Amino acid sequence: WGAATQHPQPPTISLDLDLFTAGGRPWYVPLMVHPL
C-alpha cells in the first residue's frame, strides 16, 4: 500500500480492490488451497 517498500522494485499489477487496510505495510497473499 502507498509507500514504497525497502525491497528491490518488483513488477506490479494495479488492482481496484480494497481488500485490506494497513498503512503502508506489506501483506502476504494466502496460498490458494482449500484444505480438508
PDB file of all heavy atoms in Angstrom:
ATOM      1  N   TRP A   1       0.843  -1.187   0.000  1.00  0.00           N
ATOM      2  CA  TRP A   1       0.000   0.000   0.000  1.00  0.00           C
ATOM      3  C   TRP A   1       0.882   1.242   0.000  1.00  0.00           C
ATOM      4  O   TRP A   1       1.801   1.352   0.821  1.00  0.00           O
ATOM      5  CB  TRP A   1      -0.877   0.055   1.250  1.00  0.00           C
ATOM      6  CG  TRP A   1      -2.047  -0.836   1.198  1.00  0.00           C
ATOM      7  CD1 TRP A   1      -3.312  -0.528   0.862  1.00  0.00           C
ATOM      8  CD2 TRP A   1      -2.061  -2.229   1.493  1.00  0.00           C
ATOM      9  NE1 TRP A   1      -4.129  -1.616   0.923  1.00  0.00           N
ATOM     10  CE2 TRP A   1      -3.386  -2.678   1.306  1.00  0.00           C
ATOM     11  CE3 TRP A   1      -1.093  -3.139   1.884  1.00  0.00           C
ATOM     12  CZ2 TRP A   1      -3.750  -3.994   1.509  1.00  0.00           C
ATOM     13  CZ3 TRP A   1      -1.467  -4.442   2.085  1.00  0.00           C
ATOM     14  CH2 TRP A   1      -2.780  -4.852   1.896  1.00  0.00           C
ATOM     15  N   GLY A   2       0.578   2.166  -0.875  1.00  0.00           N
ATOM     16  CA  GLY A   2       1.149   3.513  -0.811  1.00  0.00           C
ATOM     17  C   GLY A   2       2.654   3.560  -0.814  1.00  0.00           C
ATOM     18  O   GLY A   2       3.300   3.425  -1.844  1.00  0.00           O
ATOM     19  N   ALA A   3       3.231   3.728   0.375  1.00  0.00           N
ATOM     20  CA  ALA A   3       4.662   3.950   0.493  1.00  0.00           C
ATOM     21  C   ALA A   3       5.452   2.787  -0.070  1.00  0.00           C
ATOM     22  O   ALA A   3       5.093   1.630   0.087  1.00  0.00           O
ATOM     23  CB  ALA A   3       5.024   4.153   1.965  1.00  0.00           C
ATOM     24  N   ALA A   4       6.581   3.099  -0.719  1.00  0.00           N
ATOM     25  CA  ALA A   4       7.417   2.058  -1.319  1.00  0.00           C
ATOM     26  C   ALA A   4       8.044   1.202  -0.226  1.00  0.00           C
ATOM     27  O   ALA A   4       8.381   1.688   0.848  1.00  0.00           O
ATOM     28  CB  ALA A   4       8.513   2.702  -2.164  1.00  0.00           C
ATOM     29  N   THR A   5       8.195  -0.093  -0.487  1.00  0.00           N
ATOM     30  CA  THR A   5       8.864  -0.968   0.467  1.00  0.00           C
ATOM     31  C   THR A   5      10.365  -0.859   0.275  1.00  0.00           C
ATOM     32  O   THR A   5      10.855  -0.226  -0.671  1.00  0.00           O
ATOM     33  CB  THR A   5       8.441  -2.427   0.223  1.00  0.00           C
ATOM     34  OG1 THR A   5       8.937  -2.842  -1.037  1.00  0.00           O
ATOM     35  CG2 THR A   5       6.928  -2.562   0.239  1.00  0.00           C
ATOM     36  N   GLN A   6      11.128  -1.476   1.166  1.00  0.00           N
ATOM     37  CA  GLN A   6      12.577  -1.444   1.072  1.00  0.00           C
ATOM     38  C   GLN A   6      13.112  -2.550   0.181  1.00  0.00           C
ATOM     39  O   GLN A   6      14.301  -2.668   0.007  1.00  0.00           O
ATOM     40  CB  GLN A   6      13.184  -1.577   2.475  1.00  0.00           C
ATOM     41  CG  GLN A   6      12.818  -0.414   3.389  1.00  0.00           C
ATOM     42  CD  GLN A   6      13.400  -0.598   4.778  1.00  0.00           C
ATOM     43  OE1 GLN A   6      13.971  -1.637   5.094  1.00  0.00           O
ATOM     44  NE2 GLN A   6      13.273   0.425   5.601  1.00  0.00           N
ATOM     45  N   HIS A   7      12.230  -3.366  -0.377  1.00  0.00           N
ATOM     46  CA  HIS A   7      12.666  -4.445  -1.259  1.00  0.00           C
ATOM     47  C   HIS A   7      13.002  -3.879  -2.640  1.00  0.00           C
ATOM     48  O   HIS A   7      12.552  -2.796  -3.016  1.00  0.00           O
ATOM     49  CB  HIS A   7      11.560  -5.491  -1.405  1.00  0.00           C
ATOM     50  CG  HIS A   7      11.195  -6.121  -0.096  1.00  0.00           C
ATOM     51  ND1 HIS A   7      12.075  -6.837   0.661  1.00  0.00           N
ATOM     52  CD2 HIS A   7      10.022  -6.113   0.587  1.00  0.00           C
ATOM     53  CE1 HIS A   7      11.475  -7.260   1.749  1.00  0.00           C
ATOM     54  NE2 HIS A   7      10.234  -6.834   1.729  1.00  0.00           N
ATOM     55  N   PRO A   8      13.773  -4.643  -3.435  1.00  0.00           N
ATOM     56  CA  PRO A   8      14.008  -4.219  -4.819  1.00  0.00           C
ATOM     57  C   PRO A   8      12.699  -4.011  -5.554  1.00  0.00           C
ATOM     58  O   PRO A   8      11.709  -4.662  -5.277  1.00  0.00           O
ATOM     59  CB  PRO A   8      14.791  -5.420  -5.403  1.00  0.00           C
ATOM     60  CG  PRO A   8      15.403  -6.085  -4.228  1.00  0.00           C
ATOM     61  CD  PRO A   8      14.457  -5.883  -3.084  1.00  0.00           C
ATOM     62  N   GLN A   9      12.693  -3.083  -6.506  1.00  0.00           N
ATOM     63  CA  GLN A   9      11.461  -2.698  -7.204  1.00  0.00           C
ATOM     64  C   GLN A   9      10.875  -3.893  -7.948  1.00  0.00           C
ATOM     65  O   GLN A   9      11.496  -4.441  -8.843  1.00  0.00           O
ATOM     66  CB  GLN A   9      11.796  -1.606  -8.218  1.00  0.00           C
ATOM     67  CG  GLN A   9      10.575  -0.854  -8.730  1.00  0.00           C
ATOM     68  CD  GLN A   9       9.889  -0.074  -7.627  1.00  0.00           C
ATOM     69  OE1 GLN A   9       8.904  -0.532  -7.094  1.00  0.00           O
ATOM     70  NE2 GLN A   9      10.412   1.094  -7.303  1.00  0.00           N
ATOM     71  N   PRO A  10       9.676  -4.381  -7.576  1.00  0.00           N
ATOM     72  CA  PRO A  10       9.097  -5.539  -8.259  1.00  0.00           C
ATOM     73  C   PRO A  10       8.192  -5.116  -9.400  1.00  0.00           C
ATOM     74  O   PRO A  10       7.697  -3.988  -9.420  1.00  0.00           O
ATOM     75  CB  PRO A  10       8.269  -6.185  -7.146  1.00  0.00           C
ATOM     76  CG  PRO A  10       7.810  -5.005  -6.328  1.00  0.00           C
ATOM     77  CD  PRO A  10       8.883  -3.959  -6.425  1.00  0.00           C
ATOM     78  N   PRO A  11       7.925  -6.011 -10.331  1.00  0.00           N
ATOM     79  CA  PRO A  11       6.851  -5.739 -11.280  1.00  0.00           C
ATOM     80  C   PRO A  11       5.542  -5.744 -10.523  1.00  0.00           C
ATOM     81  O   PRO A  11       5.323  -6.575  -9.648  1.00  0.00           O
ATOM     82  CB  PRO A  11       6.934  -6.925 -12.253  1.00  0.00           C
ATOM     83  CG  PRO A  11       7.579  -8.006 -11.468  1.00  0.00           C
ATOM     84  CD  PRO A  11       8.521  -7.333 -10.511  1.00  0.00           C
ATOM     85  N   THR A  12       4.646  -4.813 -10.795  1.00  0.00           N
ATOM     86  CA  THR A  12       3.413  -4.707 -10.026  1.00  0.00           C
ATOM     87  C   THR A  12       2.201  -4.736 -10.934  1.00  0.00           C
ATOM     88  O   THR A  12       2.273  -4.419 -12.115  1.00  0.00           O
ATOM     89  CB  THR A  12       3.372  -3.406  -9.209  1.00  0.00           C
ATOM     90  OG1 THR A  12       3.470  -2.297 -10.115  1.00  0.00           O
ATOM     91  CG2 THR A  12       4.509  -3.348  -8.211  1.00  0.00           C
ATOM     92  N   ILE A  13       1.070  -5.175 -10.345  1.00  0.00           N
ATOM     93  CA  ILE A  13      -0.215  -5.187 -11.037  1.00  0.00           C
ATOM     94  C   ILE A  13      -1.163  -4.341 -10.215  1.00  0.00           C
ATOM     95  O   ILE A  13      -1.411  -4.647  -9.047  1.00  0.00           O
ATOM     96  CB  ILE A  13      -0.766  -6.621 -11.162  1.00  0.00           C
ATOM     97  CG1 ILE A  13       0.267  -7.529 -11.830  1.00  0.00           C
ATOM     98  CG2 ILE A  13      -2.086  -6.624 -11.918  1.00  0.00           C
ATOM     99  CD1 ILE A  13      -0.104  -8.992 -11.772  1.00  0.00           C
ATOM    100  N   SER A  14      -1.682  -3.280 -10.793  1.00  0.00           N
ATOM    101  CA  SER A  14      -2.591  -2.420 -10.049  1.00  0.00           C
ATOM    102  C   SER A  14      -3.978  -3.039  -9.999  1.00  0.00           C
ATOM    103  O   SER A  14      -4.480  -3.548 -10.989  1.00  0.00           O
ATOM    104  CB  SER A  14      -2.676  -1.036 -10.709  1.00  0.00           C
ATOM    105  OG  SER A  14      -1.432  -0.386 -10.612  1.00  0.00           O
ATOM    106  N   LEU A  15      -4.583  -3.011  -8.811  1.00  0.00           N
ATOM    107  CA  LEU A  15      -5.924  -3.539  -8.623  1.00  0.00           C
ATOM    108  C   LEU A  15      -6.795  -2.466  -7.993  1.00  0.00           C
ATOM    109  O   LEU A  15      -6.333  -1.674  -7.194  1.00  0.00           O
ATOM    110  CB  LEU A  15      -5.909  -4.766  -7.688  1.00  0.00           C
ATOM    111  CG  LEU A  15      -5.147  -5.999  -8.178  1.00  0.00           C
ATOM    112  CD1 LEU A  15      -5.206  -7.068  -7.112  1.00  0.00           C
ATOM    113  CD2 LEU A  15      -5.741  -6.516  -9.478  1.00  0.00           C
ATOM    114  N   ASP A  16      -8.063  -2.469  -8.348  1.00  0.00           N
ATOM    115  CA  ASP A  16      -9.014  -1.531  -7.765  1.00  0.00           C
ATOM    116  C   ASP A  16      -9.846  -2.219  -6.691  1.00  0.00           C
ATOM    117  O   ASP A  16     -11.037  -1.984  -6.558  1.00  0.00           O
ATOM    118  CB  ASP A  16      -9.941  -0.961  -8.851  1.00  0.00           C
ATOM    119  CG  ASP A  16      -9.189  -0.117  -9.848  1.00  0.00           C
ATOM    120  OD1 ASP A  16      -8.222   0.534  -9.424  1.00  0.00           O
ATOM    121  OD2 ASP A  16      -9.562  -0.124 -11.030  1.00  0.00           O
ATOM    122  N   LEU A  17      -9.208  -3.109  -5.918  1.00  0.00           N
ATOM    123  CA  LEU A  17      -9.912  -3.851  -4.881  1.00  0.00           C
ATOM    124  C   LEU A  17      -9.417  -3.404  -3.515  1.00  0.00           C
ATOM    125  O   LEU A  17      -8.215  -3.425  -3.255  1.00  0.00           O
ATOM    126  CB  LEU A  17      -9.649  -5.365  -5.037  1.00  0.00           C
ATOM    127  CG  LEU A  17     -10.086  -5.980  -6.364  1.00  0.00           C
ATOM    128  CD1 LEU A  17      -9.672  -7.449  -6.392  1.00  0.00           C
ATOM    129  CD2 LEU A  17     -11.593  -5.860  -6.541  1.00  0.00           C
ATOM    130  N   ASP A  18     -10.334  -2.982  -2.685  1.00  0.00           N
ATOM    131  CA  ASP A  18      -9.979  -2.581  -1.342  1.00  0.00           C
ATOM    132  C   ASP A  18     -10.085  -3.800  -0.430  1.00  0.00           C
ATOM    133  O   ASP A  18     -11.042  -3.963   0.314  1.00  0.00           O
ATOM    134  CB  ASP A  18     -10.919  -1.470  -0.868  1.00  0.00           C
ATOM    135  CG  ASP A  18     -10.495  -0.929   0.492  1.00  0.00           C
ATOM    136  OD1 ASP A  18      -9.338  -1.161   0.879  1.00  0.00           O
ATOM    137  OD2 ASP A  18     -11.331  -0.300   1.149  1.00  0.00           O
ATOM    138  N   LEU A  19      -9.064  -4.692  -0.527  1.00  0.00           N
ATOM    139  CA  LEU A  19      -9.127  -5.948   0.201  1.00  0.00           C
ATOM    140  C   LEU A  19      -8.792  -5.781   1.672  1.00  0.00           C
ATOM    141  O   LEU A  19      -9.370  -6.417   2.533  1.00  0.00           O
ATOM    142  CB  LEU A  19      -8.155  -6.961  -0.424  1.00  0.00           C
ATOM    143  CG  LEU A  19      -8.426  -7.334  -1.874  1.00  0.00           C
ATOM    144  CD1 LEU A  19      -7.389  -8.337  -2.349  1.00  0.00           C
ATOM    145  CD2 LEU A  19      -9.823  -7.914  -2.032  1.00  0.00           C
ATOM    146  N   PHE A  20      -7.810  -4.935   1.959  1.00  0.00           N
ATOM    147  CA  PHE A  20      -7.367  -4.749   3.331  1.00  0.00           C
ATOM    148  C   PHE A  20      -7.078  -3.276   3.554  1.00  0.00           C
ATOM    149  O   PHE A  20      -6.957  -2.502   2.608  1.00  0.00           O
ATOM    150  CB  PHE A  20      -6.073  -5.539   3.624  1.00  0.00           C
ATOM    151  CG  PHE A  20      -6.175  -7.000   3.351  1.00  0.00           C
ATOM    152  CD1 PHE A  20      -5.701  -7.523   2.164  1.00  0.00           C
ATOM    153  CD2 PHE A  20      -6.745  -7.839   4.287  1.00  0.00           C
ATOM    154  CE1 PHE A  20      -5.798  -8.875   1.917  1.00  0.00           C
ATOM    155  CE2 PHE A  20      -6.835  -9.194   4.040  1.00  0.00           C
ATOM    156  CZ  PHE A  20      -6.358  -9.703   2.863  1.00  0.00           C
ATOM    157  N   THR A  21      -6.925  -2.860   4.788  1.00  0.00           N
ATOM    158  CA  THR A  21      -6.440  -1.521   5.093  1.00  0.00           C
ATOM    159  C   THR A  21      -5.295  -1.670   6.066  1.00  0.00           C
ATOM    160  O   THR A  21      -5.464  -2.200   7.156  1.00  0.00           O
ATOM    161  CB  THR A  21      -7.539  -0.652   5.731  1.00  0.00           C
ATOM    162  OG1 THR A  21      -8.043  -1.309   6.881  1.00  0.00           O
ATOM    163  CG2 THR A  21      -8.676  -0.396   4.747  1.00  0.00           C
ATOM    164  N   ALA A  22      -4.128  -1.253   5.677  1.00  0.00           N
ATOM    165  CA  ALA A  22      -2.950  -1.315   6.533  1.00  0.00           C
ATOM    166  C   ALA A  22      -1.970  -0.266   6.039  1.00  0.00           C
ATOM    167  O   ALA A  22      -1.510  -0.342   4.908  1.00  0.00           O
ATOM    168  CB  ALA A  22      -2.328  -2.704   6.490  1.00  0.00           C
ATOM    169  N   GLY A  23      -1.647   0.702   6.875  1.00  0.00           N
ATOM    170  CA  GLY A  23      -0.844   1.838   6.439  1.00  0.00           C
ATOM    171  C   GLY A  23       0.531   1.485   5.933  1.00  0.00           C
ATOM    172  O   GLY A  23       1.502   1.438   6.690  1.00  0.00           O
ATOM    173  N   GLY A  24       0.636   1.249   4.643  1.00  0.00           N
ATOM    174  CA  GLY A  24       1.928   1.042   4.007  1.00  0.00           C
ATOM    175  C   GLY A  24       2.582  -0.292   4.286  1.00  0.00           C
ATOM    176  O   GLY A  24       3.702  -0.530   3.849  1.00  0.00           O
ATOM    177  N   ARG A  25       1.915  -1.199   5.013  1.00  0.00           N
ATOM    178  CA  ARG A  25       2.556  -2.470   5.361  1.00  0.00           C
ATOM    179  C   ARG A  25       2.289  -3.524   4.305  1.00  0.00           C
ATOM    180  O   ARG A  25       1.192  -3.581   3.753  1.00  0.00           O
ATOM    181  CB  ARG A  25       2.024  -2.982   6.706  1.00  0.00           C
ATOM    182  CG  ARG A  25       2.406  -2.118   7.892  1.00  0.00           C
ATOM    183  CD  ARG A  25       1.915  -2.764   9.173  1.00  0.00           C
ATOM    184  NE  ARG A  25       0.473  -2.929   9.170  1.00  0.00           N
ATOM    185  CZ  ARG A  25      -0.182  -3.675  10.050  1.00  0.00           C
ATOM    186  NH1 ARG A  25       0.480  -4.346  10.964  1.00  0.00           N
ATOM    187  NH2 ARG A  25      -1.503  -3.768  10.012  1.00  0.00           N
ATOM    188  N   PRO A  26       3.275  -4.395   4.000  1.00  0.00           N
ATOM    189  CA  PRO A  26       3.021  -5.499   3.055  1.00  0.00           C
ATOM    190  C   PRO A  26       2.232  -6.605   3.718  1.00  0.00           C
ATOM    191  O   PRO A  26       2.433  -6.905   4.888  1.00  0.00           O
ATOM    192  CB  PRO A  26       4.436  -5.978   2.691  1.00  0.00           C
ATOM    193  CG  PRO A  26       5.252  -5.643   3.885  1.00  0.00           C
ATOM    194  CD  PRO A  26       4.658  -4.373   4.478  1.00  0.00           C
ATOM    195  N   TRP A  27       1.338  -7.202   2.968  1.00  0.00           N
ATOM    196  CA  TRP A  27       0.555  -8.344   3.436  1.00  0.00           C
ATOM    197  C   TRP A  27       0.820  -9.520   2.517  1.00  0.00           C
ATOM    198  O   TRP A  27       0.782  -9.384   1.303  1.00  0.00           O
ATOM    199  CB  TRP A  27      -0.942  -8.029   3.414  1.00  0.00           C
ATOM    200  CG  TRP A  27      -1.388  -7.179   4.554  1.00  0.00           C
ATOM    201  CD1 TRP A  27      -0.965  -5.921   4.872  1.00  0.00           C
ATOM    202  CD2 TRP A  27      -2.351  -7.526   5.541  1.00  0.00           C
ATOM    203  NE1 TRP A  27      -1.602  -5.464   5.981  1.00  0.00           N
ATOM    204  CE2 TRP A  27      -2.464  -6.425   6.412  1.00  0.00           C
ATOM    205  CE3 TRP A  27      -3.142  -8.656   5.764  1.00  0.00           C
ATOM    206  CZ2 TRP A  27      -3.326  -6.408   7.498  1.00  0.00           C
ATOM    207  CZ3 TRP A  27      -3.997  -8.646   6.839  1.00  0.00           C
ATOM    208  CH2 TRP A  27      -4.081  -7.538   7.702  1.00  0.00           C
ATOM    209  N   TYR A  28       1.066 -10.697   3.105  1.00  0.00           N
ATOM    210  CA  TYR A  28       1.297 -11.877   2.291  1.00  0.00           C
ATOM    211  C   TYR A  28      -0.027 -12.414   1.740  1.00  0.00           C
ATOM    212  O   TYR A  28      -1.027 -12.437   2.422  1.00  0.00           O
ATOM    213  CB  TYR A  28       1.992 -12.966   3.103  1.00  0.00           C
ATOM    214  CG  TYR A  28       3.441 -12.666   3.338  1.00  0.00           C
ATOM    215  CD1 TYR A  28       3.845 -11.922   4.442  1.00  0.00           C
ATOM    216  CD2 TYR A  28       4.396 -13.093   2.431  1.00  0.00           C
ATOM    217  CE1 TYR A  28       5.179 -11.637   4.642  1.00  0.00           C
ATOM    218  CE2 TYR A  28       5.728 -12.805   2.623  1.00  0.00           C
ATOM    219  CZ  TYR A  28       6.126 -12.078   3.731  1.00  0.00           C
ATOM    220  OH  TYR A  28       7.441 -11.780   3.919  1.00  0.00           O
ATOM    221  N   VAL A  29      -0.004 -12.839   0.494  1.00  0.00           N
ATOM    222  CA  VAL A  29      -1.183 -13.432  -0.132  1.00  0.00           C
ATOM    223  C   VAL A  29      -1.348 -14.858   0.385  1.00  0.00           C
ATOM    224  O   VAL A  29      -0.405 -15.642   0.365  1.00  0.00           O
ATOM    225  CB  VAL A  29      -1.015 -13.455  -1.665  1.00  0.00           C
ATOM    226  CG1 VAL A  29      -2.227 -14.115  -2.317  1.00  0.00           C
ATOM    227  CG2 VAL A  29      -0.819 -12.047  -2.188  1.00  0.00           C
ATOM    228  N   PRO A  30      -2.527 -15.254   0.885  1.00  0.00           N
ATOM    229  CA  PRO A  30      -2.726 -16.634   1.330  1.00  0.00           C
ATOM    230  C   PRO A  30      -2.559 -17.615   0.169  1.00  0.00           C
ATOM    231  O   PRO A  30      -2.868 -17.292  -0.972  1.00  0.00           O
ATOM    232  CB  PRO A  30      -4.178 -16.647   1.829  1.00  0.00           C
ATOM    233  CG  PRO A  30      -4.563 -15.222   1.985  1.00  0.00           C
ATOM    234  CD  PRO A  30      -3.726 -14.442   1.021  1.00  0.00           C
ATOM    235  N   LEU A  31      -2.042 -18.793   0.466  1.00  0.00           N
ATOM    236  CA  LEU A  31      -1.942 -19.830  -0.554  1.00  0.00           C
ATOM    237  C   LEU A  31      -3.344 -20.209  -1.019  1.00  0.00           C
ATOM    238  O   LEU A  31      -4.263 -20.337  -0.225  1.00  0.00           O
ATOM    239  CB  LEU A  31      -1.247 -21.061   0.027  1.00  0.00           C
ATOM    240  CG  LEU A  31       0.215 -20.891   0.439  1.00  0.00           C
ATOM    241  CD1 LEU A  31       0.710 -22.158   1.108  1.00  0.00           C
ATOM    242  CD2 LEU A  31       1.084 -20.544  -0.747  1.00  0.00           C
ATOM    243  N   MET A  32      -3.507 -20.382  -2.333  1.00  0.00           N
ATOM    244  CA  MET A  32      -4.830 -20.676  -2.886  1.00  0.00           C
ATOM    245  C   MET A  32      -5.108 -22.173  -2.775  1.00  0.00           C
ATOM    246  O   MET A  32      -5.053 -22.921  -3.744  1.00  0.00           O
ATOM    247  CB  MET A  32      -4.904 -20.197  -4.334  1.00  0.00           C
ATOM    248  CG  MET A  32      -4.628 -18.710  -4.483  1.00  0.00           C
ATOM    249  SD  MET A  32      -5.688 -17.694  -3.419  1.00  0.00           S
ATOM    250  CE  MET A  32      -7.272 -17.949  -4.186  1.00  0.00           C
ATOM    251  N   VAL A  33      -5.365 -22.605  -1.546  1.00  0.00           N
ATOM    252  CA  VAL A  33      -5.649 -24.004  -1.256  1.00  0.00           C
ATOM    253  C   VAL A  33      -6.912 -24.044  -0.404  1.00  0.00           C
ATOM    254  O   VAL A  33      -7.104 -23.217   0.491  1.00  0.00           O
ATOM    255  CB  VAL A  33      -4.473 -24.654  -0.487  1.00  0.00           C
ATOM    256  CG1 VAL A  33      -4.845 -26.054  -0.027  1.00  0.00           C
ATOM    257  CG2 VAL A  33      -3.221 -24.680  -1.344  1.00  0.00           C
ATOM    258  N   HIS A  34      -7.789 -25.006  -0.707  1.00  0.00           N
ATOM    259  CA  HIS A  34      -8.994 -25.213   0.109  1.00  0.00           C
ATOM    260  C   HIS A  34      -8.837 -26.572   0.774  1.00  0.00           C
ATOM    261  O   HIS A  34      -9.120 -27.614   0.165  1.00  0.00           O
ATOM    262  CB  HIS A  34     -10.242 -25.166  -0.771  1.00  0.00           C
ATOM    263  CG  HIS A  34     -11.516 -25.211   0.003  1.00  0.00           C
ATOM    264  ND1 HIS A  34     -11.720 -24.493   1.163  1.00  0.00           N
ATOM    265  CD2 HIS A  34     -12.666 -25.910  -0.204  1.00  0.00           C
ATOM    266  CE1 HIS A  34     -12.927 -24.724   1.631  1.00  0.00           C
ATOM    267  NE2 HIS A  34     -13.524 -25.586   0.823  1.00  0.00           N
ATOM    268  N   PRO A  35      -8.348 -26.612   2.023  1.00  0.00           N
ATOM    269  CA  PRO A  35      -7.980 -27.883   2.635  1.00  0.00           C
ATOM    270  C   PRO A  35      -9.096 -28.526   3.449  1.00  0.00           C
ATOM    271  O   PRO A  35     -10.037 -27.869   3.906  1.00  0.00           O
ATOM    272  CB  PRO A  35      -6.818 -27.493   3.553  1.00  0.00           C
ATOM    273  CG  PRO A  35      -7.154 -26.089   3.973  1.00  0.00           C
ATOM    274  CD  PRO A  35      -7.905 -25.457   2.831  1.00  0.00           C
ATOM    275  N   LEU A  36      -8.937 -29.826   3.644  1.00  0.00           N
ATOM    276  CA  LEU A  36      -9.823 -30.636   4.480  1.00  0.00           C
ATOM    277  C   LEU A  36      -9.000 -31.237   5.605  1.00  0.00           C
ATOM    278  O   LEU A  36      -7.926 -31.800   5.376  1.00  0.00           O
ATOM    279  CB  LEU A  36     -10.449 -31.755   3.640  1.00  0.00           C
ATOM    280  CG  LEU A  36     -11.129 -32.900   4.402  1.00  0.00           C
ATOM    281  CD1 LEU A  36     -12.348 -32.405   5.160  1.00  0.00           C
ATOM    282  CD2 LEU A  36     -11.497 -34.030   3.442  1.00  0.00           C
TER     283      LEU A  36
END
